[in-house]
Amino acid sequence: MFFAVKWHYDKEKNNHNSQVISTVGKIIAVFAVAIPGLLLATFTFARMIGLDLTFPQ
């Protein structure tokens, strides 16, 4: 009986870990797409209002 309970507990624990890894992967993917988009929007808006964003040489 101990091994049956342990097997069910371990199976549920592994399933939970895979769900957490999947969720973290989705969050990272959203941020990976959102950050370049936000940077592009920021620089576009800055140029529209006349800010000089060139690097000095």
PDB file of N, CA and C in Angstrom:
ATOM      1  N   MET A   1       0.825  -1.186   0.000  1.00  0.00           N
ATOM      2  CA  MET A   1       0.000   0.000   0.000  1.00  0.00           C
ATOM      3  C   MET A   1       0.874   1.256   0.000  1.00  0.00           C
ATOM      4  N   PHE A   2       1.962   1.233   0.737  1.00  0.00           N
ATOM      5  CA  PHE A   2       2.860   2.383   0.779  1.00  0.00           C
ATOM      6  C   PHE A   2       3.344   2.741  -0.617  1.00  0.00           C
ATOM      7  N   PHE A   3       3.730   1.737  -1.391  1.00  0.00           N
ATOM      8  CA  PHE A   3       4.249   2.009  -2.736  1.00  0.00           C
ATOM      9  C   PHE A   3       3.163   2.541  -3.676  1.00  0.00           C
ATOM     10  N   ALA A   4       1.940   2.115  -3.502  1.00  0.00           N
ATOM     11  CA  ALA A   4       0.838   2.629  -4.330  1.00  0.00           C
ATOM     12  C   ALA A   4       0.604   4.108  -4.029  1.00  0.00           C
ATOM     13  N   VAL A   5       0.605   4.462  -2.759  1.00  0.00           N
ATOM     14  CA  VAL A   5       0.419   5.858  -2.378  1.00  0.00           C
ATOM     15  C   VAL A   5       1.591   6.692  -2.865  1.00  0.00           C
ATOM     16  N   LYS A   6       2.810   6.175  -2.693  1.00  0.00           N
ATOM     17  CA  LYS A   6       3.999   6.891  -3.135  1.00  0.00           C
ATOM     18  C   LYS A   6       3.986   7.072  -4.650  1.00  0.00           C
ATOM     19  N   TRP A   7       3.573   6.065  -5.393  1.00  0.00           N
ATOM     20  CA  TRP A   7       3.524   6.158  -6.856  1.00  0.00           C
ATOM     21  C   TRP A   7       2.562   7.259  -7.291  1.00  0.00           C
ATOM     22  N   HIS A   8       1.373   7.320  -6.662  1.00  0.00           N
ATOM     23  CA  HIS A   8       0.405   8.356  -7.012  1.00  0.00           C
ATOM     24  C   HIS A   8       0.926   9.745  -6.641  1.00  0.00           C
ATOM     25  N   TYR A   9       1.572   9.845  -5.501  1.00  0.00           N
ATOM     26  CA  TYR A   9       2.127  11.130  -5.067  1.00  0.00           C
ATOM     27  C   TYR A   9       3.223  11.592  -6.027  1.00  0.00           C
ATOM     28  N   ASP A  10       4.125  10.693  -6.392  1.00  0.00           N
ATOM     29  CA  ASP A  10       5.206  11.042  -7.312  1.00  0.00           C
ATOM     30  C   ASP A  10       4.664  11.397  -8.699  1.00  0.00           C
ATOM     31  N   LYS A  11       3.657  10.681  -9.150  1.00  0.00           N
ATOM     32  CA  LYS A  11       3.070  10.966 -10.468  1.00  0.00           C
ATOM     33  C   LYS A  11       2.445  12.363 -10.479  1.00  0.00           C
ATOM     34  N   GLU A  12       1.739  12.728  -9.419  1.00  0.00           N
ATOM     35  CA  GLU A  12       1.119  14.049  -9.336  1.00  0.00           C
ATOM     36  C   GLU A  12       2.193  15.140  -9.239  1.00  0.00           C
ATOM     37  N   LYS A  13       3.239  14.873  -8.510  1.00  0.00           N
ATOM     38  CA  LYS A  13       4.331  15.851  -8.356  1.00  0.00           C
ATOM     39  C   LYS A  13       5.016  16.098  -9.698  1.00  0.00           C
ATOM     40  N   ASN A  14       5.284  15.052 -10.463  1.00  0.00           N
ATOM     41  CA  ASN A  14       5.915  15.206 -11.777  1.00  0.00           C
ATOM     42  C   ASN A  14       4.998  15.949 -12.734  1.00  0.00           C
ATOM     43  N   ASN A  15       3.714  15.687 -12.685  1.00  0.00           N
ATOM     44  CA  ASN A  15       2.753  16.377 -13.547  1.00  0.00           C
ATOM     45  C   ASN A  15       2.731  17.865 -13.210  1.00  0.00           C
ATOM     46  N   HIS A  16       2.795  18.199 -11.940  1.00  0.00           N
ATOM     47  CA  HIS A  16       2.799  19.595 -11.505  1.00  0.00           C
ATOM     48  C   HIS A  16       4.062  20.298 -12.007  1.00  0.00           C
ATOM     49  N   ASN A  17       5.204  19.648 -11.933  1.00  0.00           N
ATOM     50  CA  ASN A  17       6.456  20.241 -12.400  1.00  0.00           C
ATOM     51  C   ASN A  17       6.404  20.526 -13.894  1.00  0.00           C
ATOM     52  N   SER A  18       5.832  19.630 -14.672  1.00  0.00           N
ATOM     53  CA  SER A  18       5.758  19.859 -16.111  1.00  0.00           C
ATOM     54  C   SER A  18       4.815  21.010 -16.434  1.00  0.00           C
ATOM     55  N   GLN A  19       3.762  21.179 -15.659  1.00  0.00           N
ATOM     56  CA  GLN A  19       2.853  22.303 -15.863  1.00  0.00           C
ATOM     57  C   GLN A  19       3.546  23.619 -15.533  1.00  0.00           C
ATOM     58  N   VAL A  20       4.341  23.637 -14.492  1.00  0.00           N
ATOM     59  CA  VAL A  20       5.066  24.848 -14.111  1.00  0.00           C
ATOM     60  C   VAL A  20       6.078  25.204 -15.191  1.00  0.00           C
ATOM     61  N   ILE A  21       6.804  24.227 -15.697  1.00  0.00           N
ATOM     62  CA  ILE A  21       7.792  24.474 -16.743  1.00  0.00           C
ATOM     63  C   ILE A  21       7.110  24.983 -18.006  1.00  0.00           C
ATOM     64  N   SER A  22       5.966  24.437 -18.341  1.00  0.00           N
ATOM     65  CA  SER A  22       5.217  24.883 -19.509  1.00  0.00           C
ATOM     66  C   SER A  22       4.755  26.328 -19.347  1.00  0.00           C
ATOM     67  N   THR A  23       4.255  26.663 -18.190  1.00  0.00           N
ATOM     68  CA  THR A  23       3.784  28.018 -17.935  1.00  0.00           C
ATOM     69  C   THR A  23       4.933  29.017 -17.968  1.00  0.00           C
ATOM     70  N   VAL A  24       6.053  28.676 -17.378  1.00  0.00           N
ATOM     71  CA  VAL A  24       7.218  29.553 -17.385  1.00  0.00           C
ATOM     72  C   VAL A  24       7.710  29.752 -18.818  1.00  0.00           C
ATOM     73  N   GLY A  25       7.698  28.718 -19.616  1.00  0.00           N
ATOM     74  CA  GLY A  25       8.092  28.835 -21.015  1.00  0.00           C
ATOM     75  C   GLY A  25       7.188  29.780 -21.791  1.00  0.00           C
ATOM     76  N   LYS A  26       5.891  29.715 -21.530  1.00  0.00           N
ATOM     77  CA  LYS A  26       4.953  30.621 -22.200  1.00  0.00           C
ATOM     78  C   LYS A  26       5.189  32.063 -21.780  1.00  0.00           C
ATOM     79  N   ILE A  27       5.456  32.290 -20.508  1.00  0.00           N
ATOM     80  CA  ILE A  27       5.720  33.649 -20.028  1.00  0.00           C
ATOM     81  C   ILE A  27       6.992  34.205 -20.653  1.00  0.00           C
ATOM     82  N   ILE A  28       8.031  33.391 -20.738  1.00  0.00           N
ATOM     83  CA  ILE A  28       9.281  33.830 -21.363  1.00  0.00           C
ATOM     84  C   ILE A  28       9.061  34.155 -22.833  1.00  0.00           C
ATOM     85  N   ALA A  29       8.262  33.353 -23.517  1.00  0.00           N
ATOM     86  CA  ALA A  29       7.973  33.610 -24.935  1.00  0.00           C
ATOM     87  C   ALA A  29       7.231  34.933 -25.115  1.00  0.00           C
ATOM     88  N   VAL A  30       6.284  35.226 -24.245  1.00  0.00           N
ATOM     89  CA  VAL A  30       5.547  36.486 -24.328  1.00  0.00           C
ATOM     90  C   VAL A  30       6.487  37.663 -24.108  1.00  0.00           C
ATOM     91  N   PHE A  31       7.359  37.579 -23.115  1.00  0.00           N
ATOM     92  CA  PHE A  31       8.307  38.654 -22.867  1.00  0.00           C
ATOM     93  C   PHE A  31       9.310  38.790 -24.000  1.00  0.00           C
ATOM     94  N   ALA A  32       9.724  37.684 -24.591  1.00  0.00           N
ATOM     95  CA  ALA A  32      10.680  37.741 -25.698  1.00  0.00           C
ATOM     96  C   ALA A  32      10.089  38.465 -26.902  1.00  0.00           C
ATOM     97  N   VAL A  33       8.789  38.380 -27.094  1.00  0.00           N
ATOM     98  CA  VAL A  33       8.134  39.085 -28.192  1.00  0.00           C
ATOM     99  C   VAL A  33       7.800  40.517 -27.783  1.00  0.00           C
ATOM    100  N   ALA A  34       7.405  40.730 -26.539  1.00  0.00           N
ATOM    101  CA  ALA A  34       6.948  42.041 -26.082  1.00  0.00           C
ATOM    102  C   ALA A  34       8.087  43.042 -25.934  1.00  0.00           C
ATOM    103  N   ILE A  35       9.241  42.613 -25.473  1.00  0.00           N
ATOM    104  CA  ILE A  35      10.342  43.554 -25.221  1.00  0.00           C
ATOM    105  C   ILE A  35      10.834  44.220 -26.503  1.00  0.00           C
ATOM    106  N   PRO A  36      11.139  43.488 -27.578  1.00  0.00           N
ATOM    107  CA  PRO A  36      11.542  44.189 -28.811  1.00  0.00           C
ATOM    108  C   PRO A  36      10.433  45.088 -29.361  1.00  0.00           C
ATOM    109  N   GLY A  37       9.195  44.657 -29.246  1.00  0.00           N
ATOM    110  CA  GLY A  37       8.083  45.488 -29.699  1.00  0.00           C
ATOM    111  C   GLY A  37       7.972  46.775 -28.899  1.00  0.00           C
ATOM    112  N   LEU A  38       8.161  46.682 -27.601  1.00  0.00           N
ATOM    113  CA  LEU A  38       8.113  47.864 -26.754  1.00  0.00           C
ATOM    114  C   LEU A  38       9.279  48.807 -27.054  1.00  0.00           C
ATOM    115  N   LEU A  39      10.460  48.248 -27.287  1.00  0.00           N
ATOM    116  CA  LEU A  39      11.608  49.078 -27.663  1.00  0.00           C
ATOM    117  C   LEU A  39      11.371  49.792 -28.984  1.00  0.00           C
ATOM    118  N   LEU A  40      10.843  49.079 -29.952  1.00  0.00           N
ATOM    119  CA  LEU A  40      10.547  49.689 -31.246  1.00  0.00           C
ATOM    120  C   LEU A  40       9.530  50.816 -31.095  1.00  0.00           C
ATOM    121  N   ALA A  41       8.480  50.588 -30.336  1.00  0.00           N
ATOM    122  CA  ALA A  41       7.463  51.612 -30.125  1.00  0.00           C
ATOM    123  C   ALA A  41       8.051  52.817 -29.397  1.00  0.00           C
ATOM    124  N   THR A  42       8.926  52.586 -28.424  1.00  0.00           N
ATOM    125  CA  THR A  42       9.536  53.677 -27.673  1.00  0.00           C
ATOM    126  C   THR A  42      10.408  54.538 -28.573  1.00  0.00           C
ATOM    127  N   PHE A  43      11.276  53.909 -29.366  1.00  0.00           N
ATOM    128  CA  PHE A  43      12.161  54.675 -30.235  1.00  0.00           C
ATOM    129  C   PHE A  43      11.379  55.379 -31.334  1.00  0.00           C
ATOM    130  N   THR A  44      10.340  54.745 -31.841  1.00  0.00           N
ATOM    131  CA  THR A  44       9.501  55.396 -32.858  1.00  0.00           C
ATOM    132  C   THR A  44       8.816  56.630 -32.279  1.00  0.00           C
ATOM    133  N   PHE A  45       8.257  56.503 -31.091  1.00  0.00           N
ATOM    134  CA  PHE A  45       7.602  57.640 -30.451  1.00  0.00           C
ATOM    135  C   PHE A  45       8.605  58.751 -30.142  1.00  0.00           C
ATOM    136  N   ALA A  46       9.813  58.376 -29.690  1.00  0.00           N
ATOM    137  CA  ALA A  46      10.828  59.376 -29.376  1.00  0.00           C
ATOM    138  C   ALA A  46      11.233  60.151 -30.628  1.00  0.00           C
ATOM    139  N   ARG A  47      11.357  59.470 -31.746  1.00  0.00           N
ATOM    140  CA  ARG A  47      11.685  60.156 -32.995  1.00  0.00           C
ATOM    141  C   ARG A  47      10.536  61.053 -33.455  1.00  0.00           C
ATOM    142  N   MET A  48       9.301  60.605 -33.226  1.00  0.00           N
ATOM    143  CA  MET A  48       8.146  61.411 -33.632  1.00  0.00           C
ATOM    144  C   MET A  48       8.097  62.743 -32.875  1.00  0.00           C
ATOM    145  N   ILE A  49       8.500  62.737 -31.611  1.00  0.00           N
ATOM    146  CA  ILE A  49       8.444  63.985 -30.834  1.00  0.00           C
ATOM    147  C   ILE A  49       9.738  64.773 -30.933  1.00  0.00           C
ATOM    148  N   GLY A  50      10.701  64.284 -31.732  1.00  0.00           N
ATOM    149  CA  GLY A  50      11.888  65.083 -32.033  1.00  0.00           C
ATOM    150  C   GLY A  50      13.099  64.838 -31.166  1.00  0.00           C
ATOM    151  N   LEU A  51      13.150  63.750 -30.418  1.00  0.00           N
ATOM    152  CA  LEU A  51      14.345  63.472 -29.630  1.00  0.00           C
ATOM    153  C   LEU A  51      15.461  62.927 -30.522  1.00  0.00           C
ATOM    154  N   ASP A  52      16.693  63.324 -30.231  1.00  0.00           N
ATOM    155  CA  ASP A  52      17.852  62.847 -30.979  1.00  0.00           C
ATOM    156  C   ASP A  52      18.414  61.629 -30.257  1.00  0.00           C
ATOM    157  N   LEU A  53      18.300  60.461 -30.853  1.00  0.00           N
ATOM    158  CA  LEU A  53      18.727  59.222 -30.205  1.00  0.00           C
ATOM    159  C   LEU A  53      19.989  58.638 -30.822  1.00  0.00           C
ATOM    160  N   THR A  54      20.759  59.430 -31.546  1.00  0.00           N
ATOM    161  CA  THR A  54      21.976  58.920 -32.156  1.00  0.00           C
ATOM    162  C   THR A  54      23.094  58.878 -31.128  1.00  0.00           C
ATOM    163  N   PHE A  55      24.006  57.918 -31.290  1.00  0.00           N
ATOM    164  CA  PHE A  55      25.143  57.807 -30.390  1.00  0.00           C
ATOM    165  C   PHE A  55      26.208  58.816 -30.788  1.00  0.00           C
ATOM    166  N   PRO A  56      26.795  59.519 -29.826  1.00  0.00           N
ATOM    167  CA  PRO A  56      27.878  60.429 -30.177  1.00  0.00           C
ATOM    168  C   PRO A  56      29.122  59.649 -30.592  1.00  0.00           C
ATOM    169  N   GLN A  57      29.900  60.230 -31.515  1.00  0.00           N
ATOM    170  CA  GLN A  57      31.088  59.512 -31.985  1.00  0.00           C
ATOM    171  C   GLN A  57      32.351  60.137 -31.492  1.00  0.00           C
TER     172      GLN A  57
END
